[in-house]
N, C-alpha and C. Protein backbone atom coordinates (compact mmCIF):
# COMPACT_ATOMS: atom_id res chain seq x y z
N MET A 1 -14.97 0.05 -59.46
CA MET A 1 -15.45 0.29 -57.94
C MET A 1 -16.21 1.92 -57.79
N PHE A 2 -17.49 1.73 -57.39
CA PHE A 2 -18.44 3.13 -57.15
C PHE A 2 -17.69 3.88 -56.09
N GLU A 3 -17.99 5.26 -56.09
CA GLU A 3 -17.69 5.95 -55.23
C GLU A 3 -18.95 6.48 -54.45
N ILE A 4 -18.57 6.29 -53.14
CA ILE A 4 -19.84 6.30 -51.78
C ILE A 4 -20.37 7.56 -51.94
N ARG A 5 -21.71 7.65 -51.37
CA ARG A 5 -22.24 8.98 -51.24
C ARG A 5 -23.19 8.77 -49.64
N LEU A 6 -23.11 9.98 -49.23
CA LEU A 6 -24.04 10.29 -48.04
C LEU A 6 -25.24 9.56 -48.15
N GLY A 7 -25.55 8.66 -47.25
CA GLY A 7 -27.01 7.97 -47.06
C GLY A 7 -26.75 6.79 -47.49
N ASP A 8 -25.76 6.21 -48.13
CA ASP A 8 -25.60 5.08 -48.89
C ASP A 8 -25.49 4.02 -47.68
N VAL A 9 -25.92 2.27 -47.94
CA VAL A 9 -26.17 1.56 -46.78
C VAL A 9 -24.87 0.58 -46.96
N ILE A 10 -24.36 0.39 -45.62
CA ILE A 10 -23.07 -0.12 -45.59
C ILE A 10 -23.35 -0.79 -44.35
N ASP A 11 -22.35 -2.38 -44.31
CA ASP A 11 -22.44 -3.05 -43.38
C ASP A 11 -21.63 -2.49 -42.09
N ASP A 12 -21.50 -2.78 -40.54
CA ASP A 12 -20.65 -2.14 -39.95
C ASP A 12 -21.22 -3.01 -38.69
N TYR A 13 -20.05 -2.75 -37.86
CA TYR A 13 -20.24 -3.18 -36.34
C TYR A 13 -21.00 -2.12 -35.49
N CYS A 14 -21.98 -2.55 -34.84
CA CYS A 14 -23.09 -1.46 -34.33
C CYS A 14 -22.35 -1.99 -32.40
N VAL A 15 -21.98 -1.06 -31.92
CA VAL A 15 -21.76 -0.98 -30.54
C VAL A 15 -22.82 -1.39 -29.61
N LYS A 16 -23.93 -0.47 -30.00
CA LYS A 16 -25.07 -0.52 -28.79
C LYS A 16 -25.75 -1.50 -29.29
N CYS A 17 -25.79 -2.14 -30.46
CA CYS A 17 -26.92 -3.48 -30.87
C CYS A 17 -25.62 -4.50 -30.61
N ARG A 18 -24.64 -4.61 -30.43
CA ARG A 18 -23.49 -5.46 -30.25
C ARG A 18 -23.69 -6.86 -31.81
N ARG A 19 -23.94 -6.20 -32.62
CA ARG A 19 -24.01 -7.02 -33.57
C ARG A 19 -23.46 -6.32 -35.14
N LEU A 20 -23.34 -6.93 -36.29
CA LEU A 20 -23.39 -6.71 -37.51
C LEU A 20 -24.56 -6.15 -38.14
N THR A 21 -24.91 -4.60 -38.10
CA THR A 21 -26.12 -4.14 -39.11
C THR A 21 -25.94 -3.15 -39.90
N ASN A 22 -27.28 -3.31 -40.60
CA ASN A 22 -26.82 -2.17 -42.10
C ASN A 22 -26.72 -0.83 -41.25
N HIS A 23 -26.22 0.18 -41.98
CA HIS A 23 -25.72 1.81 -41.58
C HIS A 23 -25.72 2.32 -42.69
N ALA A 24 -26.24 3.59 -42.39
CA ALA A 24 -26.06 4.58 -43.40
C ALA A 24 -25.14 5.81 -43.23
N ILE A 25 -24.58 5.83 -44.24
CA ILE A 25 -23.15 6.91 -44.28
C ILE A 25 -23.61 8.14 -43.76
N VAL A 26 -23.36 8.94 -43.08
CA VAL A 26 -23.46 10.20 -42.41
C VAL A 26 -22.58 10.88 -42.81
N SER A 27 -21.27 10.64 -42.68
CA SER A 27 -19.94 11.53 -42.96
C SER A 27 -19.08 11.03 -43.91
N ILE A 28 -18.70 11.85 -44.90
CA ILE A 28 -16.98 11.26 -45.62
C ILE A 28 -16.14 12.19 -45.46
N VAL A 29 -14.85 11.42 -45.14
CA VAL A 29 -13.70 12.15 -45.00
C VAL A 29 -12.46 11.20 -46.11
N ASP A 30 -11.93 12.16 -47.23
CA ASP A 30 -11.28 11.37 -47.76
C ASP A 30 -11.46 10.20 -49.00
N ALA A 31 -12.71 10.56 -49.46
CA ALA A 31 -13.76 9.01 -50.10
C ALA A 31 -13.49 8.14 -49.21
N ALA A 32 -13.65 8.19 -48.13
CA ALA A 32 -14.22 6.68 -47.22
C ALA A 32 -15.02 7.18 -46.12
N ALA A 33 -15.88 6.47 -45.27
CA ALA A 33 -16.97 6.30 -44.80
C ALA A 33 -16.62 7.00 -43.57
N ALA A 34 -16.93 8.17 -42.60
CA ALA A 34 -16.02 8.87 -41.30
C ALA A 34 -17.09 8.48 -40.09
N LYS A 35 -18.05 8.47 -40.38
CA LYS A 35 -19.37 8.23 -39.34
C LYS A 35 -20.67 7.35 -40.30
N VAL A 36 -21.11 6.62 -39.50
CA VAL A 36 -22.26 5.89 -39.73
C VAL A 36 -23.10 5.89 -38.76
N ARG A 37 -24.43 5.62 -39.07
CA ARG A 37 -25.73 5.47 -38.32
C ARG A 37 -26.48 4.35 -38.68
N CYS A 38 -26.51 3.46 -37.31
CA CYS A 38 -27.13 2.24 -37.41
C CYS A 38 -28.83 2.54 -37.71
N LYS A 39 -29.17 1.79 -38.75
CA LYS A 39 -30.65 1.49 -39.07
C LYS A 39 -31.35 0.90 -38.29
N THR A 40 -31.04 0.25 -37.39
CA THR A 40 -31.85 -0.94 -36.35
C THR A 40 -31.98 0.11 -35.23
N CYS A 41 -30.84 0.86 -34.46
CA CYS A 41 -31.10 1.48 -33.11
C CYS A 41 -30.90 2.96 -33.38
N TYR A 42 -30.49 3.83 -34.44
CA TYR A 42 -29.96 4.84 -35.10
C TYR A 42 -29.19 5.36 -34.35
N HIS A 43 -28.32 4.65 -33.65
CA HIS A 43 -26.93 5.28 -32.88
C HIS A 43 -25.94 5.63 -34.18
N ASP A 44 -25.50 6.90 -33.75
CA ASP A 44 -24.29 7.31 -34.59
C ASP A 44 -23.15 7.02 -34.09
N HIS A 45 -21.79 6.56 -34.75
CA HIS A 45 -20.70 6.54 -34.57
C HIS A 45 -19.90 6.25 -35.51
N ASP A 46 -18.34 6.08 -35.27
CA ASP A 46 -17.53 6.12 -36.36
C ASP A 46 -17.54 5.14 -36.65
N TYR A 47 -17.15 5.10 -38.21
CA TYR A 47 -17.20 3.51 -39.20
C TYR A 47 -15.94 2.69 -38.56
N ARG A 48 -16.20 1.20 -38.28
CA ARG A 48 -15.36 0.48 -37.51
C ARG A 48 -14.85 -0.29 -38.63
N HIS A 49 -15.20 -0.66 -40.00
CA HIS A 49 -14.72 -1.35 -40.95
C HIS A 49 -15.21 -2.77 -40.80
N GLU A 50 -16.56 -2.92 -40.27
CA GLU A 50 -17.09 -4.33 -39.60
C GLU A 50 -16.21 -4.91 -38.64
N GLN A 51 -15.21 -4.11 -37.96
CA GLN A 51 -14.43 -5.20 -36.85
C GLN A 51 -15.21 -4.84 -35.46
N ALA A 52 -15.30 -5.74 -34.50
CA ALA A 52 -15.68 -5.45 -33.33
C ALA A 52 -14.56 -5.32 -32.51
N PRO A 53 -14.93 -4.23 -31.34
CA PRO A 53 -13.89 -3.94 -30.67
C PRO A 53 -13.37 -4.79 -29.85
N PRO A 54 -12.12 -4.90 -29.32
CA PRO A 54 -11.82 -6.11 -28.26
C PRO A 54 -12.62 -5.99 -26.96
N THR A 55 -12.61 -7.36 -26.32
CA THR A 55 -13.45 -7.54 -25.13
C THR A 55 -12.39 -6.98 -24.09
N LYS A 56 -13.11 -7.27 -23.00
CA LYS A 56 -12.03 -6.74 -21.60
C LYS A 56 -11.55 -7.71 -21.68
N LYS A 57 -11.27 -9.03 -21.80
CA LYS A 57 -10.24 -10.21 -21.75
C LYS A 57 -9.64 -9.87 -22.62
N GLU A 58 -9.41 -9.62 -23.88
CA GLU A 58 -8.74 -9.60 -25.02
C GLU A 58 -7.70 -8.35 -24.51
N LEU A 59 -8.23 -7.46 -24.31
CA LEU A 59 -7.47 -6.03 -23.25
C LEU A 59 -6.72 -6.61 -22.30
N LYS A 60 -7.02 -7.54 -21.68
CA LYS A 60 -6.10 -7.59 -20.25
C LYS A 60 -5.32 -8.51 -21.07
N LYS A 61 -5.50 -9.41 -21.88
CA LYS A 61 -4.20 -10.45 -22.44
C LYS A 61 -3.31 -9.73 -23.17
N MET A 62 -3.44 -8.38 -24.01
CA MET A 62 -2.51 -7.75 -24.36
C MET A 62 -1.80 -7.00 -23.84
N GLU A 63 -2.19 -6.24 -22.52
CA GLU A 63 -1.70 -5.62 -21.53
C GLU A 63 -0.66 -6.74 -21.08
N MET A 64 -0.88 -7.89 -20.75
CA MET A 64 0.02 -8.99 -19.94
C MET A 64 1.37 -9.11 -20.88
N ASP A 65 0.50 -9.62 -22.08
CA ASP A 65 1.86 -9.60 -23.17
C ASP A 65 2.78 -8.62 -23.15
N ALA A 66 2.24 -7.41 -23.24
CA ALA A 66 3.04 -6.10 -23.67
C ALA A 66 4.00 -6.10 -22.38
N LEU A 67 3.65 -6.15 -20.91
CA LEU A 67 4.06 -6.03 -19.56
C LEU A 67 5.26 -7.37 -19.94
N ALA A 68 5.18 -8.74 -20.36
CA ALA A 68 5.89 -9.67 -20.42
C ALA A 68 7.17 -9.27 -21.06
N ALA A 69 6.66 -8.77 -22.30
CA ALA A 69 7.87 -8.21 -23.10
C ALA A 69 8.58 -7.30 -23.13
N ALA A 70 8.31 -6.34 -22.26
CA ALA A 70 8.93 -5.21 -21.57
C ALA A 70 9.96 -5.68 -20.32
N GLY A 71 9.52 -7.05 -19.83
CA GLY A 71 10.19 -7.71 -19.16
C GLY A 71 9.73 -7.19 -17.44
N LEU A 72 8.41 -6.75 -17.36
CA LEU A 72 8.06 -6.66 -16.29
C LEU A 72 6.79 -7.39 -15.72
N ALA A 73 6.57 -7.42 -14.05
CA ALA A 73 5.60 -7.96 -13.29
C ALA A 73 4.29 -7.30 -13.77
N PRO A 74 3.28 -8.14 -13.50
CA PRO A 74 1.69 -7.44 -13.55
C PRO A 74 1.83 -6.54 -12.76
N ASP A 75 2.52 -5.87 -11.66
CA ASP A 75 2.08 -4.96 -10.81
C ASP A 75 3.09 -3.91 -11.21
N GLY A 76 3.95 -4.11 -12.56
CA GLY A 76 4.83 -3.00 -13.13
C GLY A 76 6.21 -3.21 -12.32
N THR A 77 6.87 -4.00 -11.77
CA THR A 77 8.14 -4.52 -10.80
C THR A 77 8.55 -4.92 -11.65
N PRO A 78 10.03 -4.69 -11.92
CA PRO A 78 11.23 -5.50 -13.04
C PRO A 78 10.96 -7.35 -12.43
N LEU A 79 11.02 -7.93 -13.61
CA LEU A 79 10.97 -9.31 -13.03
C LEU A 79 12.57 -9.60 -12.70
N ALA A 80 12.80 -10.60 -12.21
CA ALA A 80 13.85 -11.13 -11.42
C ALA A 80 14.76 -12.06 -12.45
N ASP A 81 16.15 -11.91 -12.48
CA ASP A 81 16.77 -12.71 -13.73
C ASP A 81 16.35 -14.55 -13.72
N ALA A 82 16.18 -14.94 -14.52
CA ALA A 82 15.77 -16.39 -14.35
C ALA A 82 17.15 -17.01 -13.78
N VAL A 83 17.42 -18.08 -12.70
CA VAL A 83 18.68 -19.14 -12.47
C VAL A 83 18.60 -19.67 -13.56
N ALA A 84 19.71 -20.33 -13.91
CA ALA A 84 20.14 -21.20 -15.15
C ALA A 84 20.29 -22.49 -14.37
N ILE A 85 20.16 -23.55 -14.77
CA ILE A 85 19.83 -24.89 -14.18
C ILE A 85 21.28 -25.19 -13.82
N GLU A 86 22.23 -24.52 -14.57
CA GLU A 86 23.64 -25.13 -14.65
C GLU A 86 24.07 -24.42 -13.28
N ASP A 87 23.70 -23.09 -12.69
CA ASP A 87 23.83 -22.75 -11.48
C ASP A 87 23.51 -23.19 -10.23
N VAL A 88 22.47 -24.20 -10.14
CA VAL A 88 21.96 -24.86 -9.24
C VAL A 88 22.67 -25.95 -8.64
N ASP A 89 23.52 -25.86 -7.21
CA ASP A 89 24.30 -26.81 -6.43
C ASP A 89 23.43 -27.87 -6.26
N ILE A 90 23.58 -29.54 -6.81
CA ILE A 90 22.58 -30.43 -6.39
C ILE A 90 23.02 -30.58 -4.69
N GLU A 91 24.04 -30.31 -4.29
CA GLU A 91 24.19 -31.04 -2.70
C GLU A 91 23.23 -29.91 -1.97
N ASP A 92 23.49 -28.32 -2.56
CA ASP A 92 22.18 -27.57 -1.96
C ASP A 92 20.97 -28.17 -1.76
N VAL A 93 20.63 -28.50 -2.76
CA VAL A 93 19.22 -28.94 -2.83
C VAL A 93 18.70 -30.12 -2.05
N ALA A 94 19.83 -31.32 -2.23
CA ALA A 94 19.48 -32.31 -1.06
C ALA A 94 19.36 -32.05 0.20
N GLU A 95 20.50 -31.03 0.93
CA GLU A 95 20.47 -30.47 2.27
C GLU A 95 19.09 -29.80 2.42
N ALA A 96 18.69 -28.84 1.48
CA ALA A 96 17.49 -28.47 1.73
C ALA A 96 16.10 -29.33 2.14
N GLU A 97 16.06 -30.65 1.04
CA GLU A 97 15.30 -31.53 1.36
C GLU A 97 15.43 -32.56 2.76
N ASP A 98 16.73 -32.76 3.09
CA ASP A 98 16.66 -33.32 4.54
C ASP A 98 16.19 -32.72 5.52
N VAL A 99 16.51 -31.21 5.68
CA VAL A 99 16.10 -30.44 6.69
C VAL A 99 14.55 -29.95 6.52
N ALA A 100 13.74 -30.36 5.45
CA ALA A 100 12.38 -30.18 4.88
C ALA A 100 11.77 -31.69 5.90
N GLU A 101 12.39 -32.82 5.71
CA GLU A 101 12.15 -33.86 5.95
C GLU A 101 11.82 -34.07 7.45
N ALA A 102 13.30 -33.13 8.18
CA ALA A 102 13.51 -33.74 9.55
C ALA A 102 12.33 -32.72 10.28
N GLU A 103 11.86 -31.63 9.72
CA GLU A 103 10.78 -30.88 10.40
C GLU A 103 9.42 -31.43 10.51
N ILE A 104 9.17 -32.21 9.56
CA ILE A 104 7.48 -32.82 9.30
C ILE A 104 7.50 -34.23 10.05
N GLU A 105 8.58 -34.74 10.54
CA GLU A 105 8.26 -35.68 11.13
C GLU A 105 8.33 -35.56 12.62
N THR A 106 7.28 -36.58 13.12
CA THR A 106 6.60 -36.14 14.64
C THR A 106 7.22 -37.27 15.48
N GLU A 107 6.93 -36.84 17.07
CA GLU A 107 7.23 -37.96 17.55
C GLU A 107 6.10 -38.97 18.00
N PRO A 108 6.17 -40.41 18.00
CA PRO A 108 5.09 -41.39 17.94
C PRO A 108 4.48 -41.02 19.24
N ALA A 109 4.93 -40.26 20.64
CA ALA A 109 4.10 -40.72 21.78
C ALA A 109 3.25 -39.51 21.53
N ALA A 110 3.36 -38.41 20.60
CA ALA A 110 2.62 -37.03 20.59
C ALA A 110 1.36 -37.72 19.66
N VAL A 111 1.76 -38.77 18.61
CA VAL A 111 0.67 -38.96 17.87
C VAL A 111 -0.53 -39.85 18.66
N GLU A 112 0.09 -40.92 19.82
CA GLU A 112 -0.52 -42.07 20.37
C GLU A 112 -1.61 -40.69 21.27
N ALA A 113 -0.94 -39.81 21.87
CA ALA A 113 -1.75 -38.98 22.67
C ALA A 113 -2.99 -38.53 22.31
N VAL A 114 -3.09 -37.89 20.91
CA VAL A 114 -3.82 -37.13 20.22
C VAL A 114 -4.80 -38.05 20.01
N ALA A 115 -4.30 -39.80 19.38
CA ALA A 115 -5.38 -40.42 18.97
C ALA A 115 -6.24 -40.99 20.32
N GLU A 116 -6.06 -41.15 21.54
CA GLU A 116 -6.44 -41.60 22.66
C GLU A 116 -7.41 -40.60 23.42
N ALA A 117 -6.90 -39.33 23.05
CA ALA A 117 -7.80 -38.28 23.56
C ALA A 117 -9.21 -38.62 23.66
N PRO A 118 -9.97 -38.39 24.35
CA PRO A 118 -11.46 -38.48 24.27
C PRO A 118 -12.31 -37.79 23.50
N ALA A 119 -13.23 -37.83 22.76
CA ALA A 119 -13.91 -36.69 21.84
C ALA A 119 -14.74 -36.12 22.67
N PRO A 120 -14.97 -34.72 22.17
CA PRO A 120 -15.58 -33.62 22.80
C PRO A 120 -17.05 -34.31 22.80
N LYS A 121 -17.87 -33.86 23.89
CA LYS A 121 -19.15 -33.66 23.98
C LYS A 121 -19.97 -32.86 23.29
N LYS A 122 -21.10 -33.31 22.75
CA LYS A 122 -21.95 -32.78 21.86
C LYS A 122 -22.88 -31.56 22.89
N ALA A 123 -22.94 -30.08 22.53
CA ALA A 123 -23.60 -29.39 23.39
C ALA A 123 -25.09 -29.86 22.99
N THR A 124 -26.04 -29.62 24.13
CA THR A 124 -26.99 -29.77 23.94
C THR A 124 -27.95 -28.38 24.57
N ARG A 125 -29.07 -28.04 24.72
CA ARG A 125 -29.78 -26.58 25.26
C ARG A 125 -29.76 -26.86 26.34
N LYS A 126 -29.71 -27.46 27.13
CA LYS A 126 -29.25 -27.59 28.40
C LYS A 126 -28.37 -27.14 28.95
N THR A 127 -26.87 -27.86 28.42
CA THR A 127 -25.67 -27.28 28.52
C THR A 127 -25.34 -25.90 27.78
N ALA A 128 -25.86 -25.63 26.91
CA ALA A 128 -25.47 -24.17 26.04
C ALA A 128 -25.87 -23.22 26.95
N LYS A 129 -27.38 -23.42 27.80
CA LYS A 129 -27.82 -22.21 28.43
C LYS A 129 -27.06 -21.92 29.79
N LYS A 130 -26.52 -23.04 30.24
CA LYS A 130 -25.65 -23.20 31.53
C LYS A 130 -24.35 -22.12 31.35
N ALA A 131 -23.76 -22.26 30.10
CA ALA A 131 -22.63 -21.63 30.10
C ALA A 131 -22.97 -20.22 29.49
């Protein structure tokens, strides 16, 4: 393998061009390229080893994964302990469903009254001016 020198041309990801382009080596640290200059736009930046920086979507996903691993909600509050299925009482669930169904039921007379109510009149220019 050959030794790199200042001015050598290498490929790298340019953040300004947003693509992989030719770069000239500007500085070397410990026998490795440290800073490079894009040969297309002449922008100087750190050598990125041909890796594009993560997108905002990828950063958000990594942040959410880190919070989930730490047991925190997205707003930073601790997540509640999950309820095991064995701990749920079936009778309590059935009773809650019965209460919900009773609240939904309506009286037939109220439904008929709404159905028989006359439709409101459409506003015209004359009636709109009077009001």
